[in-house]
Amino acid sequence: MFQSAAIFMTRDHVIPTSAKGGDRRANKVVCCRTCNKVKEDLTLEEFKRRTGIAIFFSETLLGIRIEDLDDMEAINTSILSTRKIEGRSIKFGGKPEPRVRVTTPSSIPSDPE
């Protein structure tokens, strides 16, 4: 018996829900369960680095690299500034690195003088 490929697929949130990415349709992509588990709440660039994937198949298919998309910097900043970091690290090449939170100008309280 053949198994359907659908049992190996899941929906991944490009901007994690933990980073306020929401559950709307535009934020979801089809992803294999293994990759989705590995991605966790990483940015796509961090996910590439963790897995050692230089170019995603979709980048080849579409002819554009993720890093070259106009809104990727804003998306990465949003993910990095809102994700939960307490007590967690990210493993790259088997070596843990501390998670970082990016401080954006809008997240710094202004000094009322």
N, C-alpha and C. Protein backbone atom coordinates (compact mmCIF):
# COMPACT_ATOMS: atom_id res chain seq x y z
N MET A 1 0.83 -1.19 0.00
CA MET A 1 0.00 0.00 0.00
C MET A 1 0.87 1.25 0.00
N PHE A 2 0.46 2.22 -0.77
CA PHE A 2 1.15 3.50 -0.79
C PHE A 2 0.54 4.41 0.26
N GLN A 3 1.41 5.15 0.93
CA GLN A 3 0.92 6.13 1.87
C GLN A 3 0.87 7.49 1.19
N SER A 4 -0.12 8.24 1.55
CA SER A 4 -0.24 9.58 1.00
C SER A 4 0.87 10.47 1.55
N ALA A 5 1.42 11.32 0.69
CA ALA A 5 2.45 12.26 1.14
C ALA A 5 1.88 13.26 2.15
N ALA A 6 0.56 13.39 2.16
CA ALA A 6 -0.08 14.36 3.06
C ALA A 6 0.20 14.04 4.53
N ILE A 7 0.42 12.78 4.87
CA ILE A 7 0.67 12.46 6.29
C ILE A 7 2.06 12.92 6.73
N PHE A 8 2.92 13.26 5.77
CA PHE A 8 4.25 13.74 6.08
C PHE A 8 4.34 15.26 6.03
N MET A 9 3.25 15.91 5.65
CA MET A 9 3.24 17.36 5.48
C MET A 9 2.49 18.04 6.61
N THR A 10 2.85 19.27 6.84
CA THR A 10 2.19 20.10 7.84
C THR A 10 2.22 21.53 7.34
N ARG A 11 1.56 22.41 8.07
CA ARG A 11 1.61 23.83 7.73
C ARG A 11 2.60 24.52 8.66
N ASP A 12 3.46 25.30 8.08
CA ASP A 12 4.43 26.06 8.87
C ASP A 12 4.05 27.53 8.80
N HIS A 13 4.22 28.22 9.90
CA HIS A 13 4.01 29.66 9.93
C HIS A 13 5.35 30.33 9.60
N VAL A 14 5.38 31.08 8.52
CA VAL A 14 6.61 31.76 8.10
C VAL A 14 7.06 32.69 9.22
N ILE A 15 6.15 33.53 9.70
CA ILE A 15 6.41 34.32 10.90
C ILE A 15 5.72 33.55 12.02
N PRO A 16 6.49 33.00 12.95
CA PRO A 16 5.90 32.15 14.00
C PRO A 16 4.77 32.86 14.74
N THR A 17 3.77 32.09 15.15
CA THR A 17 2.67 32.67 15.91
C THR A 17 3.18 33.26 17.22
N SER A 18 4.26 32.69 17.76
CA SER A 18 4.84 33.23 18.99
C SER A 18 5.47 34.60 18.77
N ALA A 19 5.75 34.93 17.51
CA ALA A 19 6.30 36.24 17.17
C ALA A 19 5.21 37.12 16.55
N LYS A 20 3.97 36.82 16.91
CA LYS A 20 2.80 37.58 16.46
C LYS A 20 2.60 37.50 14.95
N GLY A 21 2.95 36.35 14.36
CA GLY A 21 2.77 36.17 12.93
C GLY A 21 1.34 35.91 12.53
N GLY A 22 0.54 35.47 13.48
CA GLY A 22 -0.87 35.23 13.19
C GLY A 22 -1.11 33.92 12.48
N ASP A 23 -2.36 33.59 12.36
CA ASP A 23 -2.76 32.32 11.77
C ASP A 23 -3.43 32.52 10.42
N ARG A 24 -3.18 33.66 9.80
CA ARG A 24 -3.83 33.93 8.52
C ARG A 24 -3.18 33.10 7.40
N ARG A 25 -3.91 32.92 6.36
CA ARG A 25 -3.50 32.08 5.24
C ARG A 25 -2.18 32.52 4.60
N ALA A 26 -1.96 33.83 4.50
CA ALA A 26 -0.76 34.36 3.85
C ALA A 26 0.51 34.05 4.64
N ASN A 27 0.37 33.66 5.90
CA ASN A 27 1.53 33.38 6.74
C ASN A 27 1.84 31.88 6.81
N LYS A 28 1.14 31.06 6.04
CA LYS A 28 1.33 29.62 6.11
C LYS A 28 1.90 29.07 4.81
N VAL A 29 2.80 28.09 4.97
CA VAL A 29 3.34 27.38 3.82
C VAL A 29 3.32 25.89 4.12
N VAL A 30 3.33 25.07 3.08
CA VAL A 30 3.40 23.63 3.25
C VAL A 30 4.84 23.28 3.60
N CYS A 31 5.00 22.39 4.58
CA CYS A 31 6.33 22.05 5.07
C CYS A 31 6.30 20.60 5.53
N CYS A 32 7.40 19.87 5.36
CA CYS A 32 7.43 18.51 5.89
C CYS A 32 7.50 18.60 7.42
N ARG A 33 6.98 17.60 8.09
CA ARG A 33 6.94 17.60 9.56
C ARG A 33 8.33 17.73 10.17
N THR A 34 9.31 17.06 9.60
CA THR A 34 10.67 17.10 10.13
C THR A 34 11.23 18.52 10.09
N CYS A 35 11.11 19.18 8.94
CA CYS A 35 11.62 20.54 8.82
C CYS A 35 10.87 21.50 9.74
N ASN A 36 9.57 21.33 9.86
CA ASN A 36 8.79 22.20 10.73
C ASN A 36 9.22 22.05 12.18
N LYS A 37 9.53 20.84 12.58
CA LYS A 37 9.99 20.59 13.95
C LYS A 37 11.36 21.23 14.18
N VAL A 38 12.23 21.16 13.18
CA VAL A 38 13.57 21.73 13.29
C VAL A 38 13.50 23.26 13.27
N LYS A 39 12.58 23.83 12.49
CA LYS A 39 12.50 25.29 12.34
C LYS A 39 12.07 25.98 13.63
N GLU A 40 11.19 25.38 14.39
CA GLU A 40 10.68 25.98 15.62
C GLU A 40 10.25 27.42 15.34
N ASP A 41 10.81 28.38 16.09
CA ASP A 41 10.45 29.79 15.89
C ASP A 41 11.62 30.58 15.31
N LEU A 42 12.45 29.91 14.53
CA LEU A 42 13.60 30.57 13.92
C LEU A 42 13.18 31.42 12.73
N THR A 43 14.01 32.38 12.40
CA THR A 43 13.81 33.10 11.14
C THR A 43 14.22 32.13 10.02
N LEU A 44 13.85 32.43 8.80
CA LEU A 44 14.22 31.55 7.70
C LEU A 44 15.74 31.50 7.52
N GLU A 45 16.41 32.60 7.78
CA GLU A 45 17.88 32.62 7.67
C GLU A 45 18.50 31.73 8.75
N GLU A 46 17.96 31.78 9.98
CA GLU A 46 18.47 30.92 11.05
C GLU A 46 18.18 29.45 10.73
N PHE A 47 17.02 29.19 10.16
CA PHE A 47 16.66 27.82 9.78
C PHE A 47 17.63 27.29 8.73
N LYS A 48 17.96 28.12 7.75
CA LYS A 48 18.93 27.71 6.73
C LYS A 48 20.27 27.39 7.37
N ARG A 49 20.68 28.25 8.28
CA ARG A 49 21.97 28.06 8.96
C ARG A 49 21.96 26.78 9.79
N ARG A 50 20.86 26.53 10.50
CA ARG A 50 20.77 25.34 11.35
C ARG A 50 20.83 24.06 10.54
N THR A 51 20.16 24.05 9.39
CA THR A 51 20.08 22.83 8.59
C THR A 51 21.22 22.70 7.58
N GLY A 52 21.90 23.80 7.31
CA GLY A 52 22.96 23.76 6.30
C GLY A 52 22.43 23.87 4.88
N ILE A 53 21.14 24.22 4.75
CA ILE A 53 20.56 24.39 3.42
C ILE A 53 21.01 25.73 2.87
N ALA A 54 21.69 25.71 1.75
CA ALA A 54 22.18 26.96 1.15
C ALA A 54 21.06 27.67 0.40
N ILE A 55 20.29 26.89 -0.37
CA ILE A 55 19.20 27.46 -1.17
C ILE A 55 18.00 26.54 -1.06
N PHE A 56 16.86 27.09 -0.66
CA PHE A 56 15.63 26.32 -0.61
C PHE A 56 15.19 25.98 -2.04
N PHE A 57 14.50 24.87 -2.19
CA PHE A 57 13.98 24.48 -3.50
C PHE A 57 13.07 25.57 -4.05
N SER A 58 12.25 26.18 -3.20
CA SER A 58 11.33 27.22 -3.66
C SER A 58 12.10 28.44 -4.19
N GLU A 59 13.28 28.72 -3.62
CA GLU A 59 14.09 29.83 -4.12
C GLU A 59 14.57 29.54 -5.54
N THR A 60 14.96 28.31 -5.78
CA THR A 60 15.39 27.90 -7.11
C THR A 60 14.22 27.98 -8.08
N LEU A 61 13.07 27.49 -7.62
CA LEU A 61 11.87 27.46 -8.44
C LEU A 61 11.42 28.88 -8.81
N LEU A 62 11.45 29.79 -7.83
CA LEU A 62 10.98 31.15 -8.06
C LEU A 62 12.06 32.07 -8.62
N GLY A 63 13.32 31.65 -8.52
CA GLY A 63 14.41 32.46 -9.06
C GLY A 63 14.76 33.66 -8.20
N ILE A 64 14.47 33.61 -6.91
CA ILE A 64 14.82 34.71 -6.01
C ILE A 64 15.19 34.13 -4.65
N ARG A 65 16.21 34.70 -4.04
CA ARG A 65 16.63 34.24 -2.73
C ARG A 65 15.80 34.95 -1.65
N ILE A 66 15.54 34.26 -0.57
CA ILE A 66 14.77 34.83 0.53
C ILE A 66 15.42 36.12 1.03
N GLU A 67 16.73 36.10 1.12
CA GLU A 67 17.45 37.26 1.63
C GLU A 67 17.25 38.50 0.77
N ASP A 68 16.87 38.31 -0.50
CA ASP A 68 16.71 39.43 -1.42
C ASP A 68 15.29 40.01 -1.45
N LEU A 69 14.37 39.42 -0.72
CA LEU A 69 13.00 39.93 -0.68
C LEU A 69 12.98 41.25 0.09
N ASP A 70 12.17 42.18 -0.38
CA ASP A 70 12.14 43.52 0.20
C ASP A 70 11.77 43.56 1.68
N ASP A 71 10.85 42.71 2.11
CA ASP A 71 10.36 42.81 3.48
C ASP A 71 11.03 41.85 4.46
N MET A 72 12.06 41.12 4.05
CA MET A 72 12.69 40.14 4.95
C MET A 72 13.34 40.78 6.17
N GLU A 73 13.93 41.94 6.02
CA GLU A 73 14.57 42.58 7.18
C GLU A 73 13.52 42.93 8.23
N ALA A 74 12.38 43.45 7.80
CA ALA A 74 11.32 43.80 8.74
C ALA A 74 10.74 42.54 9.40
N ILE A 75 10.60 41.46 8.62
CA ILE A 75 10.08 40.21 9.17
C ILE A 75 11.06 39.64 10.20
N ASN A 76 12.34 39.61 9.86
CA ASN A 76 13.35 39.09 10.80
C ASN A 76 13.39 39.91 12.09
N THR A 77 13.33 41.22 11.96
CA THR A 77 13.34 42.09 13.14
C THR A 77 12.13 41.82 14.00
N SER A 78 10.98 41.64 13.37
CA SER A 78 9.75 41.34 14.12
C SER A 78 9.88 40.03 14.88
N ILE A 79 10.39 39.01 14.23
CA ILE A 79 10.56 37.70 14.88
C ILE A 79 11.55 37.81 16.03
N LEU A 80 12.69 38.42 15.78
CA LEU A 80 13.74 38.50 16.79
C LEU A 80 13.35 39.36 17.99
N SER A 81 12.50 40.35 17.77
CA SER A 81 12.14 41.24 18.87
C SER A 81 10.98 40.73 19.71
N THR A 82 10.26 39.73 19.22
CA THR A 82 9.09 39.26 19.96
C THR A 82 9.18 37.82 20.43
N ARG A 83 10.14 37.07 19.96
CA ARG A 83 10.16 35.66 20.34
C ARG A 83 10.61 35.45 21.78
N LYS A 84 10.18 34.33 22.32
CA LYS A 84 10.51 34.00 23.70
C LYS A 84 11.94 33.47 23.75
N ILE A 85 12.75 34.04 24.65
CA ILE A 85 14.16 33.64 24.70
C ILE A 85 14.59 33.09 26.05
N GLU A 86 13.76 33.24 27.06
CA GLU A 86 14.17 32.86 28.40
C GLU A 86 14.59 31.40 28.47
N GLY A 87 15.85 31.17 28.87
CA GLY A 87 16.34 29.82 29.11
C GLY A 87 16.47 28.94 27.89
N ARG A 88 16.43 29.52 26.71
CA ARG A 88 16.50 28.70 25.50
C ARG A 88 17.71 29.09 24.67
N SER A 89 18.23 28.13 23.95
CA SER A 89 19.32 28.42 23.03
C SER A 89 18.99 27.77 21.70
N ILE A 90 19.73 28.15 20.69
CA ILE A 90 19.56 27.61 19.35
C ILE A 90 20.81 26.81 19.02
N LYS A 91 20.65 25.60 18.50
CA LYS A 91 21.82 24.81 18.12
C LYS A 91 22.11 24.99 16.64
N PHE A 92 23.34 25.39 16.36
CA PHE A 92 23.84 25.49 15.00
C PHE A 92 25.04 24.58 14.91
N GLY A 93 25.00 23.60 14.03
CA GLY A 93 26.10 22.66 13.90
C GLY A 93 26.37 21.90 15.19
N GLY A 94 25.31 21.65 15.96
CA GLY A 94 25.43 20.91 17.21
C GLY A 94 25.90 21.73 18.38
N LYS A 95 26.25 23.00 18.16
CA LYS A 95 26.73 23.86 19.24
C LYS A 95 25.65 24.88 19.61
N PRO A 96 25.29 24.93 20.90
CA PRO A 96 24.24 25.87 21.30
C PRO A 96 24.74 27.32 21.32
N GLU A 97 23.89 28.22 20.86
CA GLU A 97 24.15 29.65 20.93
C GLU A 97 22.96 30.28 21.64
N PRO A 98 23.19 31.28 22.47
CA PRO A 98 22.05 31.90 23.16
C PRO A 98 21.12 32.59 22.16
N ARG A 99 19.84 32.55 22.48
CA ARG A 99 18.88 33.28 21.66
C ARG A 99 19.05 34.76 21.94
N VAL A 100 18.79 35.56 20.95
CA VAL A 100 18.92 37.00 21.12
C VAL A 100 17.59 37.67 20.85
N ARG A 101 17.40 38.78 21.49
CA ARG A 101 16.22 39.61 21.23
C ARG A 101 16.75 40.93 20.71
N VAL A 102 16.26 41.33 19.56
CA VAL A 102 16.68 42.58 18.95
C VAL A 102 15.86 43.70 19.56
N THR A 103 16.53 44.75 19.95
CA THR A 103 15.83 45.91 20.49
C THR A 103 15.63 46.90 19.36
N THR A 104 14.38 47.18 19.09
CA THR A 104 14.06 48.13 18.02
C THR A 104 13.79 49.49 18.65
N PRO A 105 13.96 50.56 17.88
CA PRO A 105 13.70 51.89 18.43
C PRO A 105 12.30 52.02 19.04
N SER A 106 11.31 51.35 18.46
CA SER A 106 9.95 51.45 18.98
C SER A 106 9.77 50.69 20.29
N SER A 107 10.69 49.76 20.60
CA SER A 107 10.56 49.00 21.85
C SER A 107 11.34 49.62 23.00
N ILE A 108 12.09 50.69 22.71
CA ILE A 108 12.84 51.38 23.75
C ILE A 108 11.98 52.52 24.27
N PRO A 109 11.71 52.54 25.59
CA PRO A 109 10.88 53.64 26.11
C PRO A 109 11.61 54.97 25.96
N SER A 110 10.88 55.96 25.55
CA SER A 110 11.50 57.27 25.39
C SER A 110 11.72 57.89 26.77
N ASP A 111 12.74 58.71 26.86
CA ASP A 111 13.10 59.35 28.13
C ASP A 111 12.39 60.68 28.24
N PRO A 112 11.32 60.75 29.02
CA PRO A 112 10.58 62.02 29.13
C PRO A 112 11.35 63.00 30.02
N GLU A 113 11.89 64.02 29.46
CA GLU A 113 12.64 65.02 30.24
C GLU A 113 11.95 66.34 30.23
